[in-house]
Amino acid sequence: MPIVVAAYEDGHLRIFDTSSESATVQPKETIFAHPSPITSLTLNPASPTGIISGSSTCNIRIWDLVKGISLQDIESHRVKGGEGVCGIASGEGNVFVTAGADGLVRLWAC
């Protein structure tokens, strides 16, 4: 099923079913992901049904969208200027990278 996952400042992930033919699209599912704004989101390179989210409180969470649960919660960077994780990128294999407001770029394996 084709979906779109959107991250919001209220800390929620909202999942939309793109196969719907409705004129107004409502979230199929809403997940409370972080207690602070979600600042970044990427596909999990190790799982076809997973994503990775980052927040302003420096946490990264690895998600299984089929089950709707967080598989892992990682404290990744230090807060600087009220910001935490500024970006997440994934590529091939099981690796992803985070960039933080603390000036660090970190390489992770899933």
PDB file of N, CA and C in Angstrom:
ATOM      1  N   MET A   1       0.851  -1.180   0.000  1.00  0.00           N
ATOM      2  CA  MET A   1       0.000   0.000   0.000  1.00  0.00           C
ATOM      3  C   MET A   1       0.895   1.241   0.000  1.00  0.00           C
ATOM      4  N   PRO A   2       0.697   2.149  -0.938  1.00  0.00           N
ATOM      5  CA  PRO A   2       1.487   3.389  -0.963  1.00  0.00           C
ATOM      6  C   PRO A   2       1.036   4.340   0.141  1.00  0.00           C
ATOM      7  N   ILE A   3       2.015   4.838   0.904  1.00  0.00           N
ATOM      8  CA  ILE A   3       1.710   5.761   2.001  1.00  0.00           C
ATOM      9  C   ILE A   3       2.653   6.947   1.967  1.00  0.00           C
ATOM     10  N   VAL A   4       2.246   7.996   2.679  1.00  0.00           N
ATOM     11  CA  VAL A   4       3.092   9.157   2.934  1.00  0.00           C
ATOM     12  C   VAL A   4       3.130   9.328   4.446  1.00  0.00           C
ATOM     13  N   VAL A   5       4.328   9.518   4.992  1.00  0.00           N
ATOM     14  CA  VAL A   5       4.481   9.763   6.425  1.00  0.00           C
ATOM     15  C   VAL A   5       4.946  11.197   6.589  1.00  0.00           C
ATOM     16  N   ALA A   6       4.239  11.951   7.422  1.00  0.00           N
ATOM     17  CA  ALA A   6       4.575  13.348   7.666  1.00  0.00           C
ATOM     18  C   ALA A   6       4.919  13.540   9.142  1.00  0.00           C
ATOM     19  N   ALA A   7       5.921  14.380   9.401  1.00  0.00           N
ATOM     20  CA  ALA A   7       6.352  14.689  10.760  1.00  0.00           C
ATOM     21  C   ALA A   7       5.894  16.100  11.112  1.00  0.00           C
ATOM     22  N   TYR A   8       5.465  16.276  12.355  1.00  0.00           N
ATOM     23  CA  TYR A   8       4.883  17.552  12.772  1.00  0.00           C
ATOM     24  C   TYR A   8       5.579  18.131  13.999  1.00  0.00           C
ATOM     25  N   GLU A   9       5.431  19.436  14.166  1.00  0.00           N
ATOM     26  CA  GLU A   9       6.000  20.125  15.328  1.00  0.00           C
ATOM     27  C   GLU A   9       5.349  19.707  16.640  1.00  0.00           C
ATOM     28  N   ASP A  10       4.156  19.125  16.570  1.00  0.00           N
ATOM     29  CA  ASP A  10       3.498  18.672  17.802  1.00  0.00           C
ATOM     30  C   ASP A  10       4.013  17.310  18.266  1.00  0.00           C
ATOM     31  N   GLY A  11       5.045  16.775  17.591  1.00  0.00           N
ATOM     32  CA  GLY A  11       5.639  15.502  17.989  1.00  0.00           C
ATOM     33  C   GLY A  11       4.963  14.279  17.407  1.00  0.00           C
ATOM     34  N   HIS A  12       3.996  14.459  16.539  1.00  0.00           N
ATOM     35  CA  HIS A  12       3.269  13.326  15.960  1.00  0.00           C
ATOM     36  C   HIS A  12       3.758  12.992  14.553  1.00  0.00           C
ATOM     37  N   LEU A  13       3.676  11.713  14.237  1.00  0.00           N
ATOM     38  CA  LEU A  13       3.826  11.235  12.871  1.00  0.00           C
ATOM     39  C   LEU A  13       2.428  10.947  12.366  1.00  0.00           C
ATOM     40  N   ARG A  14       2.118  11.384  11.168  1.00  0.00           N
ATOM     41  CA  ARG A  14       0.810  11.097  10.585  1.00  0.00           C
ATOM     42  C   ARG A  14       1.023  10.325   9.296  1.00  0.00           C
ATOM     43  N   ILE A  15       0.295   9.231   9.167  1.00  0.00           N
ATOM     44  CA  ILE A  15       0.434   8.340   8.023  1.00  0.00           C
ATOM     45  C   ILE A  15      -0.799   8.484   7.148  1.00  0.00           C
ATOM     46  N   PHE A  16      -0.564   8.778   5.863  1.00  0.00           N
ATOM     47  CA  PHE A  16      -1.642   8.981   4.902  1.00  0.00           C
ATOM     48  C   PHE A  16      -1.599   7.881   3.853  1.00  0.00           C
ATOM     49  N   ASP A  17      -2.763   7.346   3.517  1.00  0.00           N
ATOM     50  CA  ASP A  17      -2.892   6.342   2.471  1.00  0.00           C
ATOM     51  C   ASP A  17      -3.075   7.079   1.144  1.00  0.00           C
ATOM     52  N   THR A  18      -2.120   6.960   0.245  1.00  0.00           N
ATOM     53  CA  THR A  18      -2.189   7.698  -1.015  1.00  0.00           C
ATOM     54  C   THR A  18      -3.062   7.023  -2.059  1.00  0.00           C
ATOM     55  N   SER A  19      -3.552   5.828  -1.764  1.00  0.00           N
ATOM     56  CA  SER A  19      -4.428   5.156  -2.726  1.00  0.00           C
ATOM     57  C   SER A  19      -5.885   5.595  -2.573  1.00  0.00           C
ATOM     58  N   SER A  20      -6.171   6.402  -1.572  1.00  0.00           N
ATOM     59  CA  SER A  20      -7.528   6.895  -1.352  1.00  0.00           C
ATOM     60  C   SER A  20      -7.936   7.829  -2.483  1.00  0.00           C
ATOM     61  N   GLU A  21      -9.166   7.729  -2.914  1.00  0.00           N
ATOM     62  CA  GLU A  21      -9.656   8.594  -3.992  1.00  0.00           C
ATOM     63  C   GLU A  21     -10.506   9.740  -3.448  1.00  0.00           C
ATOM     64  N   SER A  22     -10.466   9.926  -2.149  1.00  0.00           N
ATOM     65  CA  SER A  22     -11.232  10.995  -1.510  1.00  0.00           C
ATOM     66  C   SER A  22     -10.623  12.356  -1.851  1.00  0.00           C
ATOM     67  N   ALA A  23     -11.462  13.371  -1.947  1.00  0.00           N
ATOM     68  CA  ALA A  23     -10.995  14.734  -2.234  1.00  0.00           C
ATOM     69  C   ALA A  23     -10.244  15.317  -1.037  1.00  0.00           C
ATOM     70  N   THR A  24     -10.641  14.930   0.158  1.00  0.00           N
ATOM     71  CA  THR A  24      -9.944  15.386   1.357  1.00  0.00           C
ATOM     72  C   THR A  24      -9.237  14.191   1.988  1.00  0.00           C
ATOM     73  N   VAL A  25      -7.961  14.338   2.207  1.00  0.00           N
ATOM     74  CA  VAL A  25      -7.160  13.241   2.744  1.00  0.00           C
ATOM     75  C   VAL A  25      -7.005  13.421   4.248  1.00  0.00           C
ATOM     76  N   GLN A  26      -7.426  12.426   4.979  1.00  0.00           N
ATOM     77  CA  GLN A  26      -7.278  12.410   6.428  1.00  0.00           C
ATOM     78  C   GLN A  26      -6.219  11.375   6.793  1.00  0.00           C
ATOM     79  N   PRO A  27      -5.504  11.574   7.901  1.00  0.00           N
ATOM     80  CA  PRO A  27      -4.500  10.584   8.291  1.00  0.00           C
ATOM     81  C   PRO A  27      -5.143   9.227   8.554  1.00  0.00           C
ATOM     82  N   LYS A  28      -4.504   8.201   8.039  1.00  0.00           N
ATOM     83  CA  LYS A  28      -4.936   6.831   8.302  1.00  0.00           C
ATOM     84  C   LYS A  28      -4.597   6.464   9.745  1.00  0.00           C
ATOM     85  N   GLU A  29      -3.448   6.993  10.203  1.00  0.00           N
ATOM     86  CA  GLU A  29      -2.986   6.709  11.555  1.00  0.00           C
ATOM     87  C   GLU A  29      -2.152   7.877  12.057  1.00  0.00           C
ATOM     88  N   THR A  30      -2.217   8.135  13.364  1.00  0.00           N
ATOM     89  CA  THR A  30      -1.404   9.165  14.006  1.00  0.00           C
ATOM     90  C   THR A  30      -0.642   8.506  15.144  1.00  0.00           C
ATOM     91  N   ILE A  31       0.656   8.748  15.195  1.00  0.00           N
ATOM     92  CA  ILE A  31       1.506   8.164  16.233  1.00  0.00           C
ATOM     93  C   ILE A  31       2.175   9.293  17.006  1.00  0.00           C
ATOM     94  N   PHE A  32       2.046   9.260  18.344  1.00  0.00           N
ATOM     95  CA  PHE A  32       2.791  10.218  19.163  1.00  0.00           C
ATOM     96  C   PHE A  32       4.232   9.726  19.204  1.00  0.00           C
ATOM     97  N   ALA A  33       5.121  10.434  18.525  1.00  0.00           N
ATOM     98  CA  ALA A  33       6.484   9.957  18.317  1.00  0.00           C
ATOM     99  C   ALA A  33       7.512  10.567  19.264  1.00  0.00           C
ATOM    100  N   HIS A  34       7.386  11.860  19.542  1.00  0.00           N
ATOM    101  CA  HIS A  34       8.357  12.569  20.377  1.00  0.00           C
ATOM    102  C   HIS A  34       7.618  13.600  21.220  1.00  0.00           C
ATOM    103  N   PRO A  35       8.135  13.905  22.427  1.00  0.00           N
ATOM    104  CA  PRO A  35       7.504  14.922  23.262  1.00  0.00           C
ATOM    105  C   PRO A  35       7.886  16.348  22.857  1.00  0.00           C
ATOM    106  N   SER A  36       8.550  16.484  21.727  1.00  0.00           N
ATOM    107  CA  SER A  36       8.983  17.787  21.216  1.00  0.00           C
ATOM    108  C   SER A  36       8.862  17.768  19.697  1.00  0.00           C
ATOM    109  N   PRO A  37       9.090  18.895  19.035  1.00  0.00           N
ATOM    110  CA  PRO A  37       8.965  18.918  17.575  1.00  0.00           C
ATOM    111  C   PRO A  37       9.858  17.889  16.886  1.00  0.00           C
ATOM    112  N   ILE A  38       9.318  17.249  15.858  1.00  0.00           N
ATOM    113  CA  ILE A  38      10.111  16.340  15.031  1.00  0.00           C
ATOM    114  C   ILE A  38      10.813  17.211  13.992  1.00  0.00           C
ATOM    115  N   THR A  39      12.122  17.104  13.951  1.00  0.00           N
ATOM    116  CA  THR A  39      12.918  17.967  13.082  1.00  0.00           C
ATOM    117  C   THR A  39      13.391  17.273  11.816  1.00  0.00           C
ATOM    118  N   SER A  40      13.338  15.942  11.795  1.00  0.00           N
ATOM    119  CA  SER A  40      13.819  15.233  10.612  1.00  0.00           C
ATOM    120  C   SER A  40      13.225  13.831  10.554  1.00  0.00           C
ATOM    121  N   LEU A  41      13.214  13.299   9.328  1.00  0.00           N
ATOM    122  CA  LEU A  41      12.585  12.008   9.075  1.00  0.00           C
ATOM    123  C   LEU A  41      13.246  11.383   7.851  1.00  0.00           C
ATOM    124  N   THR A  42      13.513  10.086   7.902  1.00  0.00           N
ATOM    125  CA  THR A  42      14.072   9.380   6.746  1.00  0.00           C
ATOM    126  C   THR A  42      13.597   7.935   6.752  1.00  0.00           C
ATOM    127  N   LEU A  43      13.764   7.266   5.630  1.00  0.00           N
ATOM    128  CA  LEU A  43      13.451   5.847   5.546  1.00  0.00           C
ATOM    129  C   LEU A  43      14.511   5.052   6.290  1.00  0.00           C
ATOM    130  N   ASN A  44      14.107   3.953   6.901  1.00  0.00           N
ATOM    131  CA  ASN A  44      15.052   3.070   7.567  1.00  0.00           C
ATOM    132  C   ASN A  44      15.683   2.190   6.493  1.00  0.00           C
ATOM    133  N   PRO A  45      16.996   2.301   6.272  1.00  0.00           N
ATOM    134  CA  PRO A  45      17.621   1.528   5.205  1.00  0.00           C
ATOM    135  C   PRO A  45      17.635   0.023   5.476  1.00  0.00           C
ATOM    136  N   ALA A  46      17.398  -0.372   6.723  1.00  0.00           N
ATOM    137  CA  ALA A  46      17.423  -1.787   7.084  1.00  0.00           C
ATOM    138  C   ALA A  46      16.042  -2.434   7.068  1.00  0.00           C
ATOM    139  N   SER A  47      14.990  -1.648   6.828  1.00  0.00           N
ATOM    140  CA  SER A  47      13.632  -2.187   6.890  1.00  0.00           C
ATOM    141  C   SER A  47      12.721  -1.517   5.870  1.00  0.00           C
ATOM    142  N   PRO A  48      12.056  -2.291   5.038  1.00  0.00           N
ATOM    143  CA  PRO A  48      11.149  -1.689   4.054  1.00  0.00           C
ATOM    144  C   PRO A  48       9.885  -1.087   4.675  1.00  0.00           C
ATOM    145  N   THR A  49       9.616  -1.392   5.929  1.00  0.00           N
ATOM    146  CA  THR A  49       8.428  -0.844   6.591  1.00  0.00           C
ATOM    147  C   THR A  49       8.804   0.076   7.744  1.00  0.00           C
ATOM    148  N   GLY A  50      10.031   0.584   7.734  1.00  0.00           N
ATOM    149  CA  GLY A  50      10.479   1.399   8.848  1.00  0.00           C
ATOM    150  C   GLY A  50      10.920   2.794   8.458  1.00  0.00           C
ATOM    151  N   ILE A  51      10.894   3.674   9.443  1.00  0.00           N
ATOM    152  CA  ILE A  51      11.398   5.032   9.289  1.00  0.00           C
ATOM    153  C   ILE A  51      12.227   5.375  10.518  1.00  0.00           C
ATOM    154  N   ILE A  52      12.966   6.477  10.422  1.00  0.00           N
ATOM    155  CA  ILE A  52      13.759   6.980  11.536  1.00  0.00           C
ATOM    156  C   ILE A  52      13.408   8.448  11.701  1.00  0.00           C
ATOM    157  N   SER A  53      13.088   8.852  12.937  1.00  0.00           N
ATOM    158  CA  SER A  53      12.727  10.244  13.206  1.00  0.00           C
ATOM    159  C   SER A  53      13.703  10.846  14.207  1.00  0.00           C
ATOM    160  N   GLY A  54      13.883  12.162  14.099  1.00  0.00           N
ATOM    161  CA  GLY A  54      14.742  12.892  15.027  1.00  0.00           C
ATOM    162  C   GLY A  54      13.989  14.082  15.584  1.00  0.00           C
ATOM    163  N   SER A  55      14.347  14.498  16.806  1.00  0.00           N
ATOM    164  CA  SER A  55      13.610  15.582  17.454  1.00  0.00           C
ATOM    165  C   SER A  55      14.530  16.686  17.965  1.00  0.00           C
ATOM    166  N   SER A  56      13.908  17.765  18.390  1.00  0.00           N
ATOM    167  CA  SER A  56      14.658  18.892  18.932  1.00  0.00           C
ATOM    168  C   SER A  56      15.249  18.583  20.301  1.00  0.00           C
ATOM    169  N   THR A  57      14.835  17.488  20.932  1.00  0.00           N
ATOM    170  CA  THR A  57      15.414  17.090  22.217  1.00  0.00           C
ATOM    171  C   THR A  57      16.521  16.060  22.060  1.00  0.00           C
ATOM    172  N   CYS A  58      17.048  15.928  20.836  1.00  0.00           N
ATOM    173  CA  CYS A  58      18.221  15.090  20.546  1.00  0.00           C
ATOM    174  C   CYS A  58      17.943  13.598  20.443  1.00  0.00           C
ATOM    175  N   ASN A  59      16.713  13.180  20.502  1.00  0.00           N
ATOM    176  CA  ASN A  59      16.416  11.758  20.407  1.00  0.00           C
ATOM    177  C   ASN A  59      16.161  11.339  18.962  1.00  0.00           C
ATOM    178  N   ILE A  60      16.613  10.131  18.652  1.00  0.00           N
ATOM    179  CA  ILE A  60      16.322   9.487  17.377  1.00  0.00           C
ATOM    180  C   ILE A  60      15.492   8.259  17.728  1.00  0.00           C
ATOM    181  N   ARG A  61      14.447   8.029  16.970  1.00  0.00           N
ATOM    182  CA  ARG A  61      13.638   6.831  17.180  1.00  0.00           C
ATOM    183  C   ARG A  61      13.532   6.057  15.878  1.00  0.00           C
ATOM    184  N   ILE A  62      13.699   4.752  16.002  1.00  0.00           N
ATOM    185  CA  ILE A  62      13.565   3.854  14.864  1.00  0.00           C
ATOM    186  C   ILE A  62      12.195   3.200  14.972  1.00  0.00           C
ATOM    187  N   TRP A  63      11.394   3.299  13.889  1.00  0.00           N
ATOM    188  CA  TRP A  63       9.990   2.896  13.909  1.00  0.00           C
ATOM    189  C   TRP A  63       9.689   1.731  12.975  1.00  0.00           C
ATOM    190  N   ASP A  64       8.774   0.889  13.415  1.00  0.00           N
ATOM    191  CA  ASP A  64       8.161  -0.116  12.552  1.00  0.00           C
ATOM    192  C   ASP A  64       6.751   0.387  12.269  1.00  0.00           C
ATOM    193  N   LEU A  65       6.485   0.807  11.035  1.00  0.00           N
ATOM    194  CA  LEU A  65       5.189   1.398  10.709  1.00  0.00           C
ATOM    195  C   LEU A  65       4.058   0.375  10.657  1.00  0.00           C
ATOM    196  N   VAL A  66       4.368  -0.880  10.371  1.00  0.00           N
ATOM    197  CA  VAL A  66       3.330  -1.916  10.340  1.00  0.00           C
ATOM    198  C   VAL A  66       2.769  -2.127  11.741  1.00  0.00           C
ATOM    199  N   LYS A  67       3.668  -2.211  12.718  1.00  0.00           N
ATOM    200  CA  LYS A  67       3.246  -2.412  14.108  1.00  0.00           C
ATOM    201  C   LYS A  67       2.887  -1.096  14.796  1.00  0.00           C
ATOM    202  N   GLY A  68       3.363   0.033  14.247  1.00  0.00           N
ATOM    203  CA  GLY A  68       3.096   1.337  14.854  1.00  0.00           C
ATOM    204  C   GLY A  68       3.839   1.559  16.152  1.00  0.00           C
ATOM    205  N   ILE A  69       5.047   0.952  16.270  1.00  0.00           N
ATOM    206  CA  ILE A  69       5.799   1.068  17.525  1.00  0.00           C
ATOM    207  C   ILE A  69       7.235   1.530  17.266  1.00  0.00           C
ATOM    208  N   SER A  70       7.814   2.109  18.308  1.00  0.00           N
ATOM    209  CA  SER A  70       9.216   2.491  18.290  1.00  0.00           C
ATOM    210  C   SER A  70      10.042   1.271  18.680  1.00  0.00           C
ATOM    211  N   LEU A  71      11.002   0.915  17.844  1.00  0.00           N
ATOM    212  CA  LEU A  71      11.860  -0.241  18.120  1.00  0.00           C
ATOM    213  C   LEU A  71      13.072   0.148  18.956  1.00  0.00           C
ATOM    214  N   GLN A  72      13.500   1.406  18.811  1.00  0.00           N
ATOM    215  CA  GLN A  72      14.676   1.861  19.543  1.00  0.00           C
ATOM    216  C   GLN A  72      14.628   3.368  19.720  1.00  0.00           C
ATOM    217  N   ASP A  73      15.092   3.820  20.887  1.00  0.00           N
ATOM    218  CA  ASP A  73      15.174   5.254  21.203  1.00  0.00           C
ATOM    219  C   ASP A  73      16.627   5.550  21.554  1.00  0.00           C
ATOM    220  N   ILE A  74      17.239   6.449  20.793  1.00  0.00           N
ATOM    221  CA  ILE A  74      18.662   6.743  20.958  1.00  0.00           C
ATOM    222  C   ILE A  74      18.837   8.221  21.278  1.00  0.00           C
ATOM    223  N   GLU A  75      19.588   8.527  22.344  1.00  0.00           N
ATOM    224  CA  GLU A  75      19.961   9.922  22.603  1.00  0.00           C
ATOM    225  C   GLU A  75      21.226  10.181  21.807  1.00  0.00           C
ATOM    226  N   SER A  76      21.145  11.091  20.842  1.00  0.00           N
ATOM    227  CA  SER A  76      22.194  11.156  19.835  1.00  0.00           C
ATOM    228  C   SER A  76      23.095  12.379  19.872  1.00  0.00           C
ATOM    229  N   HIS A  77      22.569  13.519  20.190  1.00  0.00           N
ATOM    230  CA  HIS A  77      23.347  14.756  20.154  1.00  0.00           C
ATOM    231  C   HIS A  77      23.084  15.557  21.427  1.00  0.00           C
ATOM    232  N   ARG A  78      23.778  16.665  21.567  1.00  0.00           N
ATOM    233  CA  ARG A  78      23.541  17.563  22.701  1.00  0.00           C
ATOM    234  C   ARG A  78      22.767  18.775  22.203  1.00  0.00           C
ATOM    235  N   VAL A  79      21.872  19.266  23.045  1.00  0.00           N
ATOM    236  CA  VAL A  79      21.088  20.452  22.687  1.00  0.00           C
ATOM    237  C   VAL A  79      22.006  21.670  22.650  1.00  0.00           C
ATOM    238  N   LYS A  80      21.833  22.475  21.624  1.00  0.00           N
ATOM    239  CA  LYS A  80      22.571  23.728  21.515  1.00  0.00           C
ATOM    240  C   LYS A  80      21.635  24.742  20.888  1.00  0.00           C
ATOM    241  N   GLY A  81      21.441  25.857  21.534  1.00  0.00           N
ATOM    242  CA  GLY A  81      20.557  26.892  21.018  1.00  0.00           C
ATOM    243  C   GLY A  81      19.109  26.432  20.915  1.00  0.00           C
ATOM    244  N   GLY A  82      18.711  25.516  21.797  1.00  0.00           N
ATOM    245  CA  GLY A  82      17.330  25.019  21.784  1.00  0.00           C
ATOM    246  C   GLY A  82      17.048  24.003  20.700  1.00  0.00           C
ATOM    247  N   GLU A  83      18.073  23.572  19.979  1.00  0.00           N
ATOM    248  CA  GLU A  83      17.906  22.596  18.899  1.00  0.00           C
ATOM    249  C   GLU A  83      18.675  21.327  19.213  1.00  0.00           C
ATOM    250  N   GLY A  84      18.254  20.234  18.591  1.00  0.00           N
ATOM    251  CA  GLY A  84      18.906  18.941  18.787  1.00  0.00           C
ATOM    252  C   GLY A  84      19.313  18.343  17.461  1.00  0.00           C
ATOM    253  N   VAL A  85      18.563  17.346  16.998  1.00  0.00           N
ATOM    254  CA  VAL A  85      18.838  16.706  15.715  1.00  0.00           C
ATOM    255  C   VAL A  85      18.344  17.628  14.604  1.00  0.00           C
ATOM    256  N   CYS A  86      19.240  18.003  13.713  1.00  0.00           N
ATOM    257  CA  CYS A  86      18.881  18.917  12.620  1.00  0.00           C
ATOM    258  C   CYS A  86      18.577  18.186  11.325  1.00  0.00           C
ATOM    259  N   GLY A  87      19.128  16.984  11.172  1.00  0.00           N
ATOM    260  CA  GLY A  87      18.883  16.250   9.943  1.00  0.00           C
ATOM    261  C   GLY A  87      19.262  14.793  10.065  1.00  0.00           C
ATOM    262  N   ILE A  88      18.568  13.951   9.294  1.00  0.00           N
ATOM    263  CA  ILE A  88      18.862  12.524   9.215  1.00  0.00           C
ATOM    264  C   ILE A  88      18.840  12.148   7.736  1.00  0.00           C
ATOM    265  N   ALA A  89      19.797  11.335   7.326  1.00  0.00           N
ATOM    266  CA  ALA A  89      19.825  10.850   5.947  1.00  0.00           C
ATOM    267  C   ALA A  89      20.179   9.377   5.949  1.00  0.00           C
ATOM    268  N   SER A  90      19.582   8.637   5.030  1.00  0.00           N
ATOM    269  CA  SER A  90      19.896   7.222   4.908  1.00  0.00           C
ATOM    270  C   SER A  90      20.292   6.918   3.481  1.00  0.00           C
ATOM    271  N   GLY A  91      20.988   5.822   3.310  1.00  0.00           N
ATOM    272  CA  GLY A  91      21.423   5.417   1.984  1.00  0.00           C
ATOM    273  C   GLY A  91      21.267   3.926   1.830  1.00  0.00           C
ATOM    274  N   GLU A  92      22.214   3.321   1.167  1.00  0.00           N
ATOM    275  CA  GLU A  92      22.166   1.877   0.967  1.00  0.00           C
ATOM    276  C   GLU A  92      22.703   1.146   2.190  1.00  0.00           C
ATOM    277  N   GLY A  93      22.352  -0.118   2.285  1.00  0.00           N
ATOM    278  CA  GLY A  93      22.825  -0.919   3.406  1.00  0.00           C
ATOM    279  C   GLY A  93      22.038  -0.606   4.660  1.00  0.00           C
ATOM    280  N   ASN A  94      22.677  -0.713   5.779  1.00  0.00           N
ATOM    281  CA  ASN A  94      21.983  -0.483   7.047  1.00  0.00           C
ATOM    282  C   ASN A  94      22.530   0.726   7.794  1.00  0.00           C
ATOM    283  N   VAL A  95      23.017   1.731   7.063  1.00  0.00           N
ATOM    284  CA  VAL A  95      23.623   2.900   7.695  1.00  0.00           C
ATOM    285  C   VAL A  95      22.775   4.149   7.513  1.00  0.00           C
ATOM    286  N   PHE A  96      22.775   5.006   8.548  1.00  0.00           N
ATOM    287  CA  PHE A  96      22.173   6.326   8.427  1.00  0.00           C
ATOM    288  C   PHE A  96      23.037   7.331   9.158  1.00  0.00           C
ATOM    289  N   VAL A  97      22.860   8.605   8.836  1.00  0.00           N
ATOM    290  CA  VAL A  97      23.690   9.678   9.374  1.00  0.00           C
ATOM    291  C   VAL A  97      22.787  10.710  10.025  1.00  0.00           C
ATOM    292  N   THR A  98      23.228  11.263  11.165  1.00  0.00           N
ATOM    293  CA  THR A  98      22.500  12.360  11.801  1.00  0.00           C
ATOM    294  C   THR A  98      23.420  13.575  11.899  1.00  0.00           C
ATOM    295  N   ALA A  99      22.816  14.744  11.807  1.00  0.00           N
ATOM    296  CA  ALA A  99      23.539  16.001  12.014  1.00  0.00           C
ATOM    297  C   ALA A  99      22.852  16.721  13.160  1.00  0.00           C
ATOM    298  N   GLY A 100      23.645  17.229  14.086  1.00  0.00           N
ATOM    299  CA  GLY A 100      23.079  17.885  15.254  1.00  0.00           C
ATOM    300  C   GLY A 100      23.468  19.346  15.354  1.00  0.00           C
ATOM    301  N   ALA A 101      22.708  20.078  16.141  1.00  0.00           N
ATOM    302  CA  ALA A 101      23.004  21.488  16.384  1.00  0.00           C
ATOM    303  C   ALA A 101      24.308  21.645  17.160  1.00  0.00           C
ATOM    304  N   ASP A 102      24.772  20.545  17.759  1.00  0.00           N
ATOM    305  CA  ASP A 102      26.040  20.581  18.483  1.00  0.00           C
ATOM    306  C   ASP A 102      27.249  20.564  17.540  1.00  0.00           C
ATOM    307  N   GLY A 103      26.998  20.563  16.221  1.00  0.00           N
ATOM    308  CA  GLY A 103      28.075  20.612  15.243  1.00  0.00           C
ATOM    309  C   GLY A 103      28.632  19.257  14.852  1.00  0.00           C
ATOM    310  N   LEU A 104      28.033  18.182  15.359  1.00  0.00           N
ATOM    311  CA  LEU A 104      28.523  16.847  15.058  1.00  0.00           C
ATOM    312  C   LEU A 104      27.690  16.157  13.996  1.00  0.00           C
ATOM    313  N   VAL A 105      28.358  15.334  13.201  1.00  0.00           N
ATOM    314  CA  VAL A 105      27.684  14.432  12.272  1.00  0.00           C
ATOM    315  C   VAL A 105      28.045  13.030  12.746  1.00  0.00           C
ATOM    316  N   ARG A 106      27.030  12.183  12.932  1.00  0.00           N
ATOM    317  CA  ARG A 106      27.255  10.840  13.435  1.00  0.00           C
ATOM    318  C   ARG A 106      26.757   9.797  12.455  1.00  0.00           C
ATOM    319  N   LEU A 107      27.505   8.718  12.347  1.00  0.00           N
ATOM    320  CA  LEU A 107      27.183   7.601  11.488  1.00  0.00           C
ATOM    321  C   LEU A 107      26.664   6.461  12.356  1.00  0.00           C
ATOM    322  N   TRP A 108      25.504   5.898  11.976  1.00  0.00           N
ATOM    323  CA  TRP A 108      24.853   4.848  12.753  1.00  0.00           C
ATOM    324  C   TRP A 108      24.595   3.631  11.891  1.00  0.00           C
ATOM    325  N   ALA A 109      24.485   2.471  12.519  1.00  0.00           N
ATOM    326  CA  ALA A 109      24.101   1.240  11.830  1.00  0.00           C
ATOM    327  C   ALA A 109      22.812   0.720  12.456  1.00  0.00           C
ATOM    328  N   CYS A 110      21.888   0.287  11.620  1.00  0.00           N
ATOM    329  CA  CYS A 110      20.604  -0.255  12.118  1.00  0.00           C
ATOM    330  C   CYS A 110      20.749  -1.731  12.429  1.00  0.00           C
TER     331      CYS A 110
END
